[in-house]
Amino acid sequence: MEYRDIPEPLPLRKVLGPSVILAGVGAGSGEYILWPYISSNAGIGFLYLAVVGVTGFGQPLVLLLLSACLNGIVMFVYSILLIRLNRGGLPPAIRVHGFRLGALCFAVLFYGFFAGWYVIVQMGDLV
């Protein structure tokens, strides 16, 4: 690895941008102040009431299953990208091999199977 000096910091006018505007809008709307206060006082009960309120009394289980299945699809894609980036983008000395590569391949197969199964089941319900 090559060692270099730390570069000079960017001037303030180049650092300020859209993120500062979004943070200002969030703070102005109370997002950064009010939401943590409410969630710290109400706890998980507030989250459950929000889910029930949005989906109706019979739907929290459906929402939970849907989010779990969609997260499985995301993990399938993430595992593939992780293998690709680790095998191709890293120097050979720190690339993933052996047991860890096997675990990542297992994750691709595991999440791929269940994500594919979920898509097939949902397509069967739509048709």
N, C-alpha and C. Protein backbone atom coordinates (compact mmCIF):
# COMPACT_ATOMS: atom_id res chain seq x y z
N MET A 1 0.83 -1.18 0.00
CA MET A 1 0.00 0.00 0.00
C MET A 1 0.87 1.24 0.00
N GLU A 2 0.38 2.24 -0.63
CA GLU A 2 1.10 3.50 -0.73
C GLU A 2 0.60 4.46 0.33
N TYR A 3 1.51 5.09 1.05
CA TYR A 3 1.15 6.06 2.07
C TYR A 3 1.31 7.46 1.51
N ARG A 4 0.28 8.29 1.75
CA ARG A 4 0.33 9.67 1.29
C ARG A 4 -0.13 10.57 2.42
N ASP A 5 0.18 11.85 2.29
CA ASP A 5 -0.29 12.83 3.26
C ASP A 5 -1.79 13.03 3.12
N ILE A 6 -2.42 13.45 4.20
CA ILE A 6 -3.85 13.75 4.17
C ILE A 6 -4.06 14.99 3.32
N PRO A 7 -5.03 14.96 2.38
CA PRO A 7 -5.25 16.15 1.54
C PRO A 7 -5.83 17.30 2.35
N GLU A 8 -5.68 18.48 1.81
CA GLU A 8 -6.23 19.67 2.45
C GLU A 8 -7.75 19.58 2.44
N PRO A 9 -8.42 20.08 3.49
CA PRO A 9 -9.89 20.04 3.50
C PRO A 9 -10.47 20.93 2.42
N LEU A 10 -11.66 20.54 1.96
CA LEU A 10 -12.35 21.33 0.94
C LEU A 10 -12.85 22.63 1.55
N PRO A 11 -12.94 23.68 0.74
CA PRO A 11 -13.51 24.92 1.27
C PRO A 11 -14.99 24.73 1.60
N LEU A 12 -15.47 25.54 2.52
CA LEU A 12 -16.84 25.40 3.02
C LEU A 12 -17.88 25.54 1.91
N ARG A 13 -17.64 26.38 0.93
CA ARG A 13 -18.62 26.58 -0.15
C ARG A 13 -18.79 25.33 -1.01
N LYS A 14 -17.78 24.45 -1.03
CA LYS A 14 -17.91 23.20 -1.79
C LYS A 14 -18.55 22.08 -0.98
N VAL A 15 -18.51 22.20 0.33
CA VAL A 15 -19.09 21.17 1.18
C VAL A 15 -20.60 21.37 1.33
N LEU A 16 -21.01 22.62 1.47
CA LEU A 16 -22.43 22.92 1.62
C LEU A 16 -23.14 22.66 0.31
N GLY A 17 -24.27 22.03 0.40
CA GLY A 17 -25.01 21.70 -0.81
C GLY A 17 -26.40 21.22 -0.47
N PRO A 18 -26.93 20.29 -1.26
CA PRO A 18 -28.30 19.80 -1.06
C PRO A 18 -28.51 19.15 0.31
N SER A 19 -27.47 18.52 0.86
CA SER A 19 -27.66 17.86 2.15
C SER A 19 -27.95 18.88 3.26
N VAL A 20 -27.34 20.06 3.17
CA VAL A 20 -27.60 21.09 4.17
C VAL A 20 -29.04 21.60 4.03
N ILE A 21 -29.51 21.71 2.81
CA ILE A 21 -30.89 22.14 2.59
C ILE A 21 -31.86 21.10 3.14
N LEU A 22 -31.59 19.81 2.88
CA LEU A 22 -32.46 18.75 3.40
C LEU A 22 -32.42 18.70 4.92
N ALA A 23 -31.25 18.88 5.50
CA ALA A 23 -31.16 18.89 6.97
C ALA A 23 -31.94 20.07 7.53
N GLY A 24 -31.87 21.21 6.87
CA GLY A 24 -32.63 22.38 7.31
C GLY A 24 -34.12 22.15 7.22
N VAL A 25 -34.57 21.53 6.14
CA VAL A 25 -35.99 21.23 5.99
C VAL A 25 -36.43 20.23 7.06
N GLY A 26 -35.58 19.21 7.32
CA GLY A 26 -35.92 18.22 8.36
C GLY A 26 -35.99 18.84 9.73
N ALA A 27 -35.04 19.71 10.05
CA ALA A 27 -35.05 20.36 11.36
C ALA A 27 -36.20 21.34 11.46
N GLY A 28 -36.50 22.02 10.37
CA GLY A 28 -37.60 22.97 10.37
C GLY A 28 -38.95 22.30 10.54
N SER A 29 -39.08 21.09 10.03
CA SER A 29 -40.37 20.39 10.16
C SER A 29 -40.47 19.62 11.47
N GLY A 30 -39.42 19.63 12.26
CA GLY A 30 -39.45 18.93 13.54
C GLY A 30 -39.05 17.48 13.45
N GLU A 31 -38.57 17.05 12.28
CA GLU A 31 -38.21 15.65 12.09
C GLU A 31 -37.08 15.23 13.02
N TYR A 32 -36.10 16.07 13.22
CA TYR A 32 -34.95 15.72 14.05
C TYR A 32 -35.20 15.98 15.53
N ILE A 33 -36.21 16.73 15.85
CA ILE A 33 -36.47 17.06 17.24
C ILE A 33 -37.68 16.29 17.77
N LEU A 34 -38.79 16.36 17.04
CA LEU A 34 -40.04 15.81 17.54
C LEU A 34 -40.07 14.28 17.46
N TRP A 35 -39.62 13.71 16.35
CA TRP A 35 -39.73 12.26 16.18
C TRP A 35 -38.91 11.49 17.22
N PRO A 36 -37.63 11.81 17.48
CA PRO A 36 -36.92 11.08 18.54
C PRO A 36 -37.56 11.25 19.91
N TYR A 37 -38.12 12.42 20.18
CA TYR A 37 -38.78 12.64 21.46
C TYR A 37 -40.00 11.73 21.60
N ILE A 38 -40.82 11.68 20.56
CA ILE A 38 -42.03 10.84 20.61
C ILE A 38 -41.66 9.37 20.73
N SER A 39 -40.69 8.93 19.91
CA SER A 39 -40.36 7.51 19.94
C SER A 39 -39.66 7.11 21.24
N SER A 40 -38.92 8.03 21.86
CA SER A 40 -38.29 7.67 23.14
C SER A 40 -39.31 7.60 24.26
N ASN A 41 -40.36 8.40 24.20
CA ASN A 41 -41.38 8.36 25.24
C ASN A 41 -42.39 7.23 25.03
N ALA A 42 -42.78 7.00 23.77
CA ALA A 42 -43.82 6.00 23.51
C ALA A 42 -43.23 4.61 23.33
N GLY A 43 -41.99 4.52 22.88
CA GLY A 43 -41.36 3.22 22.70
C GLY A 43 -41.92 2.45 21.53
N ILE A 44 -41.83 1.14 21.59
CA ILE A 44 -42.24 0.27 20.49
C ILE A 44 -43.75 0.27 20.31
N GLY A 45 -44.49 0.61 21.35
CA GLY A 45 -45.95 0.67 21.23
C GLY A 45 -46.39 1.69 20.20
N PHE A 46 -45.68 2.80 20.11
CA PHE A 46 -46.01 3.82 19.11
C PHE A 46 -45.81 3.28 17.70
N LEU A 47 -44.72 2.54 17.49
CA LEU A 47 -44.47 1.95 16.18
C LEU A 47 -45.56 0.95 15.82
N TYR A 48 -45.96 0.11 16.78
CA TYR A 48 -47.00 -0.86 16.52
C TYR A 48 -48.32 -0.16 16.19
N LEU A 49 -48.65 0.88 16.94
CA LEU A 49 -49.88 1.62 16.65
C LEU A 49 -49.84 2.28 15.27
N ALA A 50 -48.67 2.75 14.87
CA ALA A 50 -48.55 3.34 13.54
C ALA A 50 -48.76 2.30 12.45
N VAL A 51 -48.21 1.11 12.64
CA VAL A 51 -48.40 0.03 11.66
C VAL A 51 -49.86 -0.39 11.60
N VAL A 52 -50.48 -0.56 12.76
CA VAL A 52 -51.89 -0.95 12.80
C VAL A 52 -52.76 0.15 12.21
N GLY A 53 -52.44 1.39 12.51
CA GLY A 53 -53.23 2.50 11.99
C GLY A 53 -53.15 2.63 10.49
N VAL A 54 -52.01 2.35 9.92
CA VAL A 54 -51.84 2.48 8.47
C VAL A 54 -52.46 1.30 7.74
N THR A 55 -52.31 0.11 8.28
CA THR A 55 -52.72 -1.08 7.55
C THR A 55 -54.07 -1.64 7.97
N GLY A 56 -54.64 -1.20 9.03
CA GLY A 56 -55.88 -1.79 9.51
C GLY A 56 -55.60 -2.85 10.54
N PHE A 57 -56.62 -3.30 11.25
CA PHE A 57 -56.40 -4.22 12.36
C PHE A 57 -56.00 -5.62 11.91
N GLY A 58 -56.40 -6.06 10.72
CA GLY A 58 -56.09 -7.42 10.30
C GLY A 58 -54.82 -7.55 9.50
N GLN A 59 -54.13 -6.46 9.21
CA GLN A 59 -53.04 -6.50 8.25
C GLN A 59 -51.61 -6.51 8.79
N PRO A 60 -51.33 -6.33 10.07
CA PRO A 60 -49.92 -6.29 10.48
C PRO A 60 -49.14 -7.56 10.13
N LEU A 61 -49.77 -8.72 10.19
CA LEU A 61 -49.07 -9.95 9.85
C LEU A 61 -48.71 -9.97 8.37
N VAL A 62 -49.62 -9.52 7.52
CA VAL A 62 -49.35 -9.45 6.08
C VAL A 62 -48.20 -8.49 5.81
N LEU A 63 -48.21 -7.35 6.48
CA LEU A 63 -47.14 -6.38 6.31
C LEU A 63 -45.81 -6.95 6.77
N LEU A 64 -45.80 -7.68 7.86
CA LEU A 64 -44.58 -8.29 8.36
C LEU A 64 -44.04 -9.33 7.39
N LEU A 65 -44.91 -10.19 6.86
CA LEU A 65 -44.48 -11.20 5.91
C LEU A 65 -43.98 -10.58 4.61
N LEU A 66 -44.67 -9.55 4.14
CA LEU A 66 -44.25 -8.88 2.91
C LEU A 66 -42.89 -8.23 3.08
N SER A 67 -42.67 -7.56 4.19
CA SER A 67 -41.38 -6.90 4.41
C SER A 67 -40.26 -7.93 4.56
N ALA A 68 -40.54 -9.05 5.21
CA ALA A 68 -39.52 -10.10 5.35
C ALA A 68 -39.15 -10.68 3.99
N CYS A 69 -40.14 -10.91 3.14
CA CYS A 69 -39.85 -11.47 1.81
C CYS A 69 -39.11 -10.48 0.93
N LEU A 70 -39.49 -9.24 0.98
CA LEU A 70 -38.78 -8.22 0.19
C LEU A 70 -37.36 -8.03 0.70
N ASN A 71 -37.14 -8.14 2.00
CA ASN A 71 -35.78 -8.08 2.53
C ASN A 71 -34.95 -9.27 2.07
N GLY A 72 -35.57 -10.42 1.90
CA GLY A 72 -34.87 -11.58 1.36
C GLY A 72 -34.39 -11.33 -0.06
N ILE A 73 -35.22 -10.66 -0.87
CA ILE A 73 -34.82 -10.32 -2.24
C ILE A 73 -33.64 -9.35 -2.21
N VAL A 74 -33.70 -8.38 -1.33
CA VAL A 74 -32.60 -7.42 -1.20
C VAL A 74 -31.31 -8.13 -0.76
N MET A 75 -31.42 -9.06 0.18
CA MET A 75 -30.24 -9.78 0.64
C MET A 75 -29.65 -10.66 -0.46
N PHE A 76 -30.50 -11.21 -1.33
CA PHE A 76 -30.03 -11.99 -2.47
C PHE A 76 -29.16 -11.13 -3.38
N VAL A 77 -29.66 -9.97 -3.75
CA VAL A 77 -28.90 -9.06 -4.61
C VAL A 77 -27.64 -8.58 -3.89
N TYR A 78 -27.77 -8.25 -2.60
CA TYR A 78 -26.63 -7.77 -1.82
C TYR A 78 -25.52 -8.82 -1.74
N SER A 79 -25.88 -10.07 -1.54
CA SER A 79 -24.88 -11.13 -1.44
C SER A 79 -24.12 -11.30 -2.76
N ILE A 80 -24.83 -11.22 -3.87
CA ILE A 80 -24.17 -11.30 -5.17
C ILE A 80 -23.21 -10.13 -5.36
N LEU A 81 -23.66 -8.93 -5.04
CA LEU A 81 -22.79 -7.77 -5.18
C LEU A 81 -21.59 -7.84 -4.25
N LEU A 82 -21.79 -8.36 -3.05
CA LEU A 82 -20.70 -8.50 -2.10
C LEU A 82 -19.63 -9.46 -2.62
N ILE A 83 -20.04 -10.57 -3.18
CA ILE A 83 -19.08 -11.51 -3.76
C ILE A 83 -18.35 -10.86 -4.93
N ARG A 84 -19.10 -10.21 -5.79
CA ARG A 84 -18.50 -9.58 -6.97
C ARG A 84 -17.48 -8.51 -6.58
N LEU A 85 -17.86 -7.65 -5.65
CA LEU A 85 -16.94 -6.58 -5.25
C LEU A 85 -15.74 -7.12 -4.49
N ASN A 86 -15.93 -8.12 -3.64
CA ASN A 86 -14.81 -8.69 -2.89
C ASN A 86 -13.85 -9.45 -3.79
N ARG A 87 -14.35 -10.16 -4.77
CA ARG A 87 -13.48 -10.95 -5.63
C ARG A 87 -12.80 -10.12 -6.71
N GLY A 88 -13.43 -9.02 -7.12
CA GLY A 88 -12.87 -8.25 -8.21
C GLY A 88 -12.29 -6.91 -7.83
N GLY A 89 -12.77 -6.31 -6.79
CA GLY A 89 -12.36 -4.96 -6.46
C GLY A 89 -11.30 -4.83 -5.39
N LEU A 90 -11.01 -5.91 -4.70
CA LEU A 90 -10.03 -5.85 -3.60
C LEU A 90 -8.69 -6.43 -4.04
N PRO A 91 -7.62 -5.99 -3.40
CA PRO A 91 -6.32 -6.61 -3.70
C PRO A 91 -6.34 -8.09 -3.32
N PRO A 92 -5.54 -8.91 -4.00
CA PRO A 92 -5.57 -10.36 -3.74
C PRO A 92 -5.30 -10.75 -2.29
N ALA A 93 -4.55 -9.94 -1.58
CA ALA A 93 -4.21 -10.29 -0.20
C ALA A 93 -5.40 -10.26 0.74
N ILE A 94 -6.40 -9.45 0.43
CA ILE A 94 -7.54 -9.32 1.36
C ILE A 94 -8.85 -9.79 0.73
N ARG A 95 -8.79 -10.49 -0.37
CA ARG A 95 -10.01 -11.02 -0.98
C ARG A 95 -10.61 -12.13 -0.11
N VAL A 96 -11.90 -12.32 -0.32
CA VAL A 96 -12.62 -13.37 0.41
C VAL A 96 -12.33 -14.72 -0.25
N HIS A 97 -11.89 -15.70 0.54
CA HIS A 97 -11.75 -17.07 0.07
C HIS A 97 -12.12 -18.05 1.16
N GLY A 98 -12.11 -19.31 0.77
CA GLY A 98 -12.34 -20.37 1.75
C GLY A 98 -13.74 -20.38 2.33
N PHE A 99 -13.78 -20.51 3.64
CA PHE A 99 -15.06 -20.65 4.34
C PHE A 99 -15.96 -19.43 4.14
N ARG A 100 -15.38 -18.24 4.15
CA ARG A 100 -16.19 -17.02 4.00
C ARG A 100 -16.81 -16.93 2.61
N LEU A 101 -16.05 -17.30 1.59
CA LEU A 101 -16.62 -17.32 0.24
C LEU A 101 -17.73 -18.36 0.15
N GLY A 102 -17.51 -19.51 0.79
CA GLY A 102 -18.56 -20.53 0.82
C GLY A 102 -19.81 -20.04 1.53
N ALA A 103 -19.64 -19.31 2.63
CA ALA A 103 -20.80 -18.77 3.35
C ALA A 103 -21.54 -17.75 2.49
N LEU A 104 -20.81 -16.92 1.74
CA LEU A 104 -21.47 -15.96 0.86
C LEU A 104 -22.21 -16.67 -0.27
N CYS A 105 -21.61 -17.72 -0.82
CA CYS A 105 -22.30 -18.48 -1.87
C CYS A 105 -23.55 -19.16 -1.32
N PHE A 106 -23.45 -19.68 -0.09
CA PHE A 106 -24.63 -20.27 0.55
C PHE A 106 -25.72 -19.22 0.74
N ALA A 107 -25.33 -17.99 1.12
CA ALA A 107 -26.30 -16.92 1.30
C ALA A 107 -26.99 -16.60 -0.01
N VAL A 108 -26.24 -16.60 -1.13
CA VAL A 108 -26.85 -16.35 -2.44
C VAL A 108 -27.88 -17.43 -2.75
N LEU A 109 -27.51 -18.70 -2.53
CA LEU A 109 -28.43 -19.79 -2.81
C LEU A 109 -29.65 -19.75 -1.89
N PHE A 110 -29.42 -19.51 -0.61
CA PHE A 110 -30.50 -19.48 0.38
C PHE A 110 -31.50 -18.38 0.07
N TYR A 111 -31.00 -17.14 -0.05
CA TYR A 111 -31.90 -16.02 -0.30
C TYR A 111 -32.48 -16.08 -1.72
N GLY A 112 -31.71 -16.58 -2.66
CA GLY A 112 -32.22 -16.72 -4.03
C GLY A 112 -33.37 -17.70 -4.12
N PHE A 113 -33.24 -18.83 -3.40
CA PHE A 113 -34.32 -19.82 -3.41
C PHE A 113 -35.61 -19.24 -2.84
N PHE A 114 -35.51 -18.63 -1.66
CA PHE A 114 -36.71 -18.13 -1.02
C PHE A 114 -37.28 -16.90 -1.73
N ALA A 115 -36.42 -16.06 -2.29
CA ALA A 115 -36.92 -14.91 -3.05
C ALA A 115 -37.63 -15.38 -4.31
N GLY A 116 -37.03 -16.35 -5.01
CA GLY A 116 -37.68 -16.90 -6.20
C GLY A 116 -38.99 -17.59 -5.87
N TRP A 117 -38.98 -18.34 -4.78
CA TRP A 117 -40.20 -19.03 -4.36
C TRP A 117 -41.30 -18.02 -4.05
N TYR A 118 -40.94 -16.92 -3.38
CA TYR A 118 -41.93 -15.89 -3.04
C TYR A 118 -42.50 -15.26 -4.31
N VAL A 119 -41.65 -14.96 -5.28
CA VAL A 119 -42.13 -14.35 -6.52
C VAL A 119 -43.06 -15.31 -7.25
N ILE A 120 -42.70 -16.59 -7.31
CA ILE A 120 -43.55 -17.58 -7.98
C ILE A 120 -44.90 -17.70 -7.29
N VAL A 121 -44.91 -17.74 -5.97
CA VAL A 121 -46.16 -17.84 -5.22
C VAL A 121 -47.03 -16.60 -5.46
N GLN A 122 -46.42 -15.44 -5.44
CA GLN A 122 -47.20 -14.20 -5.64
C GLN A 122 -47.72 -14.11 -7.06
N MET A 123 -46.94 -14.53 -8.04
CA MET A 123 -47.43 -14.52 -9.43
C MET A 123 -48.60 -15.49 -9.59
N GLY A 124 -48.54 -16.63 -8.90
CA GLY A 124 -49.65 -17.57 -8.94
C GLY A 124 -50.91 -16.99 -8.35
N ASP A 125 -50.77 -16.14 -7.32
CA ASP A 125 -51.94 -15.50 -6.72
C ASP A 125 -52.52 -14.41 -7.62
N LEU A 126 -51.66 -13.77 -8.41
CA LEU A 126 -52.13 -12.69 -9.28
C LEU A 126 -52.84 -13.22 -10.53
N VAL A 127 -52.41 -14.39 -11.00
CA VAL A 127 -52.97 -14.94 -12.24
C VAL A 127 -54.21 -15.71 -12.00
